[in-house]
Amino acid sequence: MAVRGGPCSGIVGGVTIDPAPAFQRFADALNRPRDPALLRAAVTDDVRLDRHAPGERATAPVAESFAGVAEVERWFARMPGGVQFALAGAAWAEPDGGSGVEYAYDAGDFHHGGIWIARLAGDGRIARLAHHPFALRDAPGPPGAPHAHGGSGHTHGG
């Protein structure tokens, strides 16, 4: 299949691939980080993942980069048990042809989140992902408390 709109744009043969299932598969893989089958269902073998430092998307530097599913598996192996990821909103189209989604995670009493920006392969798996955690707050509020990032106040339920 020829990919139009640039490599891994998610537009294959004139059909746009819905990124929501790809993001959900990635969240599922993070929730079971010792299950390589879930990761391989979510990302391509030659995936490129850039994990940014917490902060504003436009200015947060890349803290770590992982090339290939084996390197991402090693990153997942560092994940402590009990962390639960979820999508925190609907996916959106990025101007460059990629897609983005807000995610949230809970690790005991710690609640945080960020944004994933991805480019999909023709089979709907993630080929490139930028992992942008939001800036850490000095005094996190209780779950479900209104907060703001990206300039808009909202809650993540809870």
C-alpha atoms as a PDB file:
ATOM      1  CA  MET A   1       0.000   0.000   0.000  1.00  0.00           C
ATOM      2  CA  ALA A   2       1.254   3.447  -0.780  1.00  0.00           C
ATOM      3  CA  VAL A   3       1.153   5.933   2.063  1.00  0.00           C
ATOM      4  CA  ARG A   4       0.057   9.417   1.083  1.00  0.00           C
ATOM      5  CA  GLY A   5       0.669  12.581   3.035  1.00  0.00           C
ATOM      6  CA  GLY A   6       4.161  11.545   4.105  1.00  0.00           C
ATOM      7  CA  PRO A   7       5.453   8.494   5.874  1.00  0.00           C
ATOM      8  CA  CYS A   8       3.238   7.177   8.648  1.00  0.00           C
ATOM      9  CA  SER A   9       0.633   9.904   8.260  1.00  0.00           C
ATOM     10  CA  GLY A  10      -2.247   7.548   8.899  1.00  0.00           C
ATOM     11  CA  ILE A  11      -3.626   8.246   5.422  1.00  0.00           C
ATOM     12  CA  VAL A  12      -3.413   5.019   3.418  1.00  0.00           C
ATOM     13  CA  GLY A  13      -4.829   4.798  -0.082  1.00  0.00           C
ATOM     14  CA  GLY A  14      -6.859   7.954   0.547  1.00  0.00           C
ATOM     15  CA  VAL A  15      -8.439   6.559   3.735  1.00  0.00           C
ATOM     16  CA  THR A  16      -7.642   8.171   7.071  1.00  0.00           C
ATOM     17  CA  ILE A  17      -6.958   5.731   9.895  1.00  0.00           C
ATOM     18  CA  ASP A  18      -8.701   6.582  13.183  1.00  0.00           C
ATOM     19  CA  PRO A  19      -5.889   7.109  15.722  1.00  0.00           C
ATOM     20  CA  ALA A  20      -8.043   6.434  18.826  1.00  0.00           C
ATOM     21  CA  PRO A  21      -7.609   2.624  18.727  1.00  0.00           C
ATOM     22  CA  ALA A  22      -3.825   3.017  18.361  1.00  0.00           C
ATOM     23  CA  PHE A  23      -3.670   5.310  21.388  1.00  0.00           C
ATOM     24  CA  GLN A  24      -5.873   2.917  23.365  1.00  0.00           C
ATOM     25  CA  ARG A  25      -3.617  -0.032  22.479  1.00  0.00           C
ATOM     26  CA  PHE A  26      -0.614   2.000  23.670  1.00  0.00           C
ATOM     27  CA  ALA A  27      -2.350   2.815  26.984  1.00  0.00           C
ATOM     28  CA  ASP A  28      -3.252  -0.879  27.364  1.00  0.00           C
ATOM     29  CA  ALA A  29       0.390  -1.829  26.777  1.00  0.00           C
ATOM     30  CA  LEU A  30       1.534   0.671  29.416  1.00  0.00           C
ATOM     31  CA  ASN A  31      -0.975  -0.822  31.860  1.00  0.00           C
ATOM     32  CA  ARG A  32       0.614  -4.253  31.346  1.00  0.00           C
ATOM     33  CA  PRO A  33       4.248  -3.282  30.718  1.00  0.00           C
ATOM     34  CA  ARG A  34       5.577  -6.848  31.045  1.00  0.00           C
ATOM     35  CA  ASP A  35       3.355  -8.134  28.204  1.00  0.00           C
ATOM     36  CA  PRO A  36       5.364  -7.752  24.958  1.00  0.00           C
ATOM     37  CA  ALA A  37       2.411  -8.895  22.831  1.00  0.00           C
ATOM     38  CA  LEU A  38       0.401  -5.842  23.884  1.00  0.00           C
ATOM     39  CA  LEU A  39       3.285  -3.521  23.038  1.00  0.00           C
ATOM     40  CA  ARG A  40       3.808  -5.168  19.642  1.00  0.00           C
ATOM     41  CA  ALA A  41       0.082  -4.755  18.913  1.00  0.00           C
ATOM     42  CA  ALA A  42       0.430  -1.040  19.658  1.00  0.00           C
ATOM     43  CA  VAL A  43       3.681  -0.071  17.905  1.00  0.00           C
ATOM     44  CA  THR A  44       5.706  -1.044  14.844  1.00  0.00           C
ATOM     45  CA  ASP A  45       8.966  -2.990  15.185  1.00  0.00           C
ATOM     46  CA  ASP A  46      10.925   0.120  14.176  1.00  0.00           C
ATOM     47  CA  VAL A  47       8.946   2.572  16.334  1.00  0.00           C
ATOM     48  CA  ARG A  48      10.664   5.800  17.413  1.00  0.00           C
ATOM     49  CA  LEU A  49       9.580   7.150  20.818  1.00  0.00           C
ATOM     50  CA  ASP A  50      10.798  10.445  22.285  1.00  0.00           C
ATOM     51  CA  ARG A  51      10.060  10.953  25.988  1.00  0.00           C
ATOM     52  CA  HIS A  52      10.122  14.657  26.800  1.00  0.00           C
ATOM     53  CA  ALA A  53      10.811  16.207  30.195  1.00  0.00           C
ATOM     54  CA  PRO A  54       7.688  17.460  32.001  1.00  0.00           C
ATOM     55  CA  GLY A  55       6.635  20.914  30.863  1.00  0.00           C
ATOM     56  CA  GLU A  56       5.186  22.831  27.969  1.00  0.00           C
ATOM     57  CA  ARG A  57       5.043  20.810  24.781  1.00  0.00           C
ATOM     58  CA  ALA A  58       6.765  23.471  22.686  1.00  0.00           C
ATOM     59  CA  THR A  59       9.739  23.894  25.032  1.00  0.00           C
ATOM     60  CA  ALA A  60      10.261  20.665  27.014  1.00  0.00           C
ATOM     61  CA  PRO A  61      13.461  18.965  25.858  1.00  0.00           C
ATOM     62  CA  VAL A  62      13.660  15.310  24.906  1.00  0.00           C
ATOM     63  CA  ALA A  63      14.797  13.406  28.008  1.00  0.00           C
ATOM     64  CA  GLU A  64      15.161   9.998  26.351  1.00  0.00           C
ATOM     65  CA  SER A  65      14.720   8.498  22.894  1.00  0.00           C
ATOM     66  CA  PHE A  66      13.978   4.878  22.072  1.00  0.00           C
ATOM     67  CA  ALA A  67      14.476   3.346  18.618  1.00  0.00           C
ATOM     68  CA  GLY A  68      12.764   0.033  17.971  1.00  0.00           C
ATOM     69  CA  VAL A  69      10.351  -2.078  19.949  1.00  0.00           C
ATOM     70  CA  ALA A  70      13.152  -3.743  21.971  1.00  0.00           C
ATOM     71  CA  GLU A  71      14.275  -0.371  23.401  1.00  0.00           C
ATOM     72  CA  VAL A  72      10.657   0.563  24.206  1.00  0.00           C
ATOM     73  CA  GLU A  73      10.269  -2.818  25.968  1.00  0.00           C
ATOM     74  CA  ARG A  74      13.271  -1.949  28.158  1.00  0.00           C
ATOM     75  CA  TRP A  75      11.675   1.419  29.004  1.00  0.00           C
ATOM     76  CA  PHE A  76       8.418  -0.342  29.881  1.00  0.00           C
ATOM     77  CA  ALA A  77      10.356  -2.763  32.137  1.00  0.00           C
ATOM     78  CA  ARG A  78      11.327   0.231  34.312  1.00  0.00           C
ATOM     79  CA  MET A  79       7.637   1.017  34.940  1.00  0.00           C
ATOM     80  CA  PRO A  80       6.635   0.438  38.564  1.00  0.00           C
ATOM     81  CA  GLY A  81       3.671  -1.808  39.205  1.00  0.00           C
ATOM     82  CA  GLY A  82       0.246  -0.323  39.801  1.00  0.00           C
ATOM     83  CA  VAL A  83       0.457   2.605  37.371  1.00  0.00           C
ATOM     84  CA  GLN A  84      -2.742   2.879  35.321  1.00  0.00           C
ATOM     85  CA  PHE A  85      -2.951   4.904  32.107  1.00  0.00           C
ATOM     86  CA  ALA A  86      -6.135   6.057  30.376  1.00  0.00           C
ATOM     87  CA  LEU A  87      -7.051   8.313  27.492  1.00  0.00           C
ATOM     88  CA  ALA A  88      -8.381  11.594  28.876  1.00  0.00           C
ATOM     89  CA  GLY A  89     -10.107  12.935  25.791  1.00  0.00           C
ATOM     90  CA  ALA A  90     -10.718  12.512  22.106  1.00  0.00           C
ATOM     91  CA  ALA A  91      -7.860  12.304  19.626  1.00  0.00           C
ATOM     92  CA  TRP A  92      -7.219  15.294  17.361  1.00  0.00           C
ATOM     93  CA  ALA A  93      -5.433  15.893  14.077  1.00  0.00           C
ATOM     94  CA  GLU A  94      -2.067  17.656  14.169  1.00  0.00           C
ATOM     95  CA  PRO A  95      -1.180  20.147  11.402  1.00  0.00           C
ATOM     96  CA  ASP A  96       1.670  17.899  10.183  1.00  0.00           C
ATOM     97  CA  GLY A  97      -0.648  14.942   9.558  1.00  0.00           C
ATOM     98  CA  GLY A  98      -0.043  13.218  12.887  1.00  0.00           C
ATOM     99  CA  SER A  99      -2.515  12.838  15.717  1.00  0.00           C
ATOM    100  CA  GLY A 100      -2.589  13.769  19.371  1.00  0.00           C
ATOM    101  CA  VAL A 101      -4.440  12.748  22.501  1.00  0.00           C
ATOM    102  CA  GLU A 102      -4.355  13.691  26.153  1.00  0.00           C
ATOM    103  CA  TYR A 103      -3.608  10.868  28.589  1.00  0.00           C
ATOM    104  CA  ALA A 104      -3.897  10.584  32.361  1.00  0.00           C
ATOM    105  CA  TYR A 105      -2.367   8.144  34.793  1.00  0.00           C
ATOM    106  CA  ASP A 106      -2.763   7.165  38.414  1.00  0.00           C
ATOM    107  CA  ALA A 107       0.025   5.755  40.563  1.00  0.00           C
ATOM    108  CA  GLY A 108      -1.519   5.294  43.992  1.00  0.00           C
ATOM    109  CA  ASP A 109      -2.402   8.782  45.240  1.00  0.00           C
ATOM    110  CA  PHE A 110      -0.378  10.477  42.478  1.00  0.00           C
ATOM    111  CA  HIS A 111      -2.410  11.644  39.471  1.00  0.00           C
ATOM    112  CA  HIS A 112      -0.815  13.170  36.406  1.00  0.00           C
ATOM    113  CA  GLY A 113      -0.982  13.189  32.621  1.00  0.00           C
ATOM    114  CA  GLY A 114       0.242  14.649  29.410  1.00  0.00           C
ATOM    115  CA  ILE A 115      -0.085  14.501  25.653  1.00  0.00           C
ATOM    116  CA  TRP A 116       0.933  11.853  23.152  1.00  0.00           C
ATOM    117  CA  ILE A 117       1.605  12.947  19.562  1.00  0.00           C
ATOM    118  CA  ALA A 118       1.826  10.048  17.099  1.00  0.00           C
ATOM    119  CA  ARG A 119       2.249   9.161  13.479  1.00  0.00           C
ATOM    120  CA  LEU A 120       0.677   5.900  12.434  1.00  0.00           C
ATOM    121  CA  ALA A 121       1.903   3.203  10.096  1.00  0.00           C
ATOM    122  CA  GLY A 122      -0.382   1.899   7.357  1.00  0.00           C
ATOM    123  CA  ASP A 123      -1.512  -0.972   9.608  1.00  0.00           C
ATOM    124  CA  GLY A 124      -2.769   1.476  12.272  1.00  0.00           C
ATOM    125  CA  ARG A 125       0.046   0.905  14.770  1.00  0.00           C
ATOM    126  CA  ILE A 126       2.155   3.743  16.142  1.00  0.00           C
ATOM    127  CA  ALA A 127       5.344   4.333  14.135  1.00  0.00           C
ATOM    128  CA  ARG A 128       6.482   7.478  15.955  1.00  0.00           C
ATOM    129  CA  LEU A 129       5.393   8.833  19.321  1.00  0.00           C
ATOM    130  CA  ALA A 130       6.287  11.943  21.299  1.00  0.00           C
ATOM    131  CA  HIS A 131       5.485  11.479  25.002  1.00  0.00           C
ATOM    132  CA  HIS A 132       4.894  14.923  26.586  1.00  0.00           C
ATOM    133  CA  PRO A 133       4.108  14.802  30.335  1.00  0.00           C
ATOM    134  CA  PHE A 134       2.549  17.965  31.721  1.00  0.00           C
ATOM    135  CA  ALA A 135       4.568  20.117  34.119  1.00  0.00           C
ATOM    136  CA  LEU A 136       4.439  18.832  37.668  1.00  0.00           C
ATOM    137  CA  ARG A 137       2.425  20.942  40.097  1.00  0.00           C
ATOM    138  CA  ASP A 138       3.802  21.913  43.504  1.00  0.00           C
ATOM    139  CA  ALA A 139       0.623  20.908  45.337  1.00  0.00           C
ATOM    140  CA  PRO A 140      -1.535  18.466  43.386  1.00  0.00           C
ATOM    141  CA  GLY A 141      -5.234  18.649  44.112  1.00  0.00           C
ATOM    142  CA  PRO A 142      -7.479  15.702  44.844  1.00  0.00           C
ATOM    143  CA  PRO A 143      -8.629  13.461  41.982  1.00  0.00           C
ATOM    144  CA  GLY A 144     -11.280  15.157  39.903  1.00  0.00           C
ATOM    145  CA  ALA A 145     -10.319  18.635  41.096  1.00  0.00           C
ATOM    146  CA  PRO A 146     -10.385  21.284  38.362  1.00  0.00           C
ATOM    147  CA  HIS A 147      -6.967  22.179  37.023  1.00  0.00           C
ATOM    148  CA  ALA A 148      -5.483  23.717  33.931  1.00  0.00           C
ATOM    149  CA  HIS A 149      -2.875  22.796  31.361  1.00  0.00           C
ATOM    150  CA  GLY A 150      -2.758  23.932  27.811  1.00  0.00           C
ATOM    151  CA  GLY A 151      -4.669  27.016  28.941  1.00  0.00           C
ATOM    152  CA  SER A 152      -8.038  25.405  29.631  1.00  0.00           C
ATOM    153  CA  GLY A 153      -9.422  24.386  33.004  1.00  0.00           C
ATOM    154  CA  HIS A 154     -11.117  20.987  33.260  1.00  0.00           C
ATOM    155  CA  THR A 155     -11.284  17.768  35.257  1.00  0.00           C
ATOM    156  CA  HIS A 156     -10.413  14.172  34.410  1.00  0.00           C
ATOM    157  CA  GLY A 157     -13.295  12.718  36.397  1.00  0.00           C
ATOM    158  CA  GLY A 158     -12.669  10.806  39.557  1.00  0.00           C
END
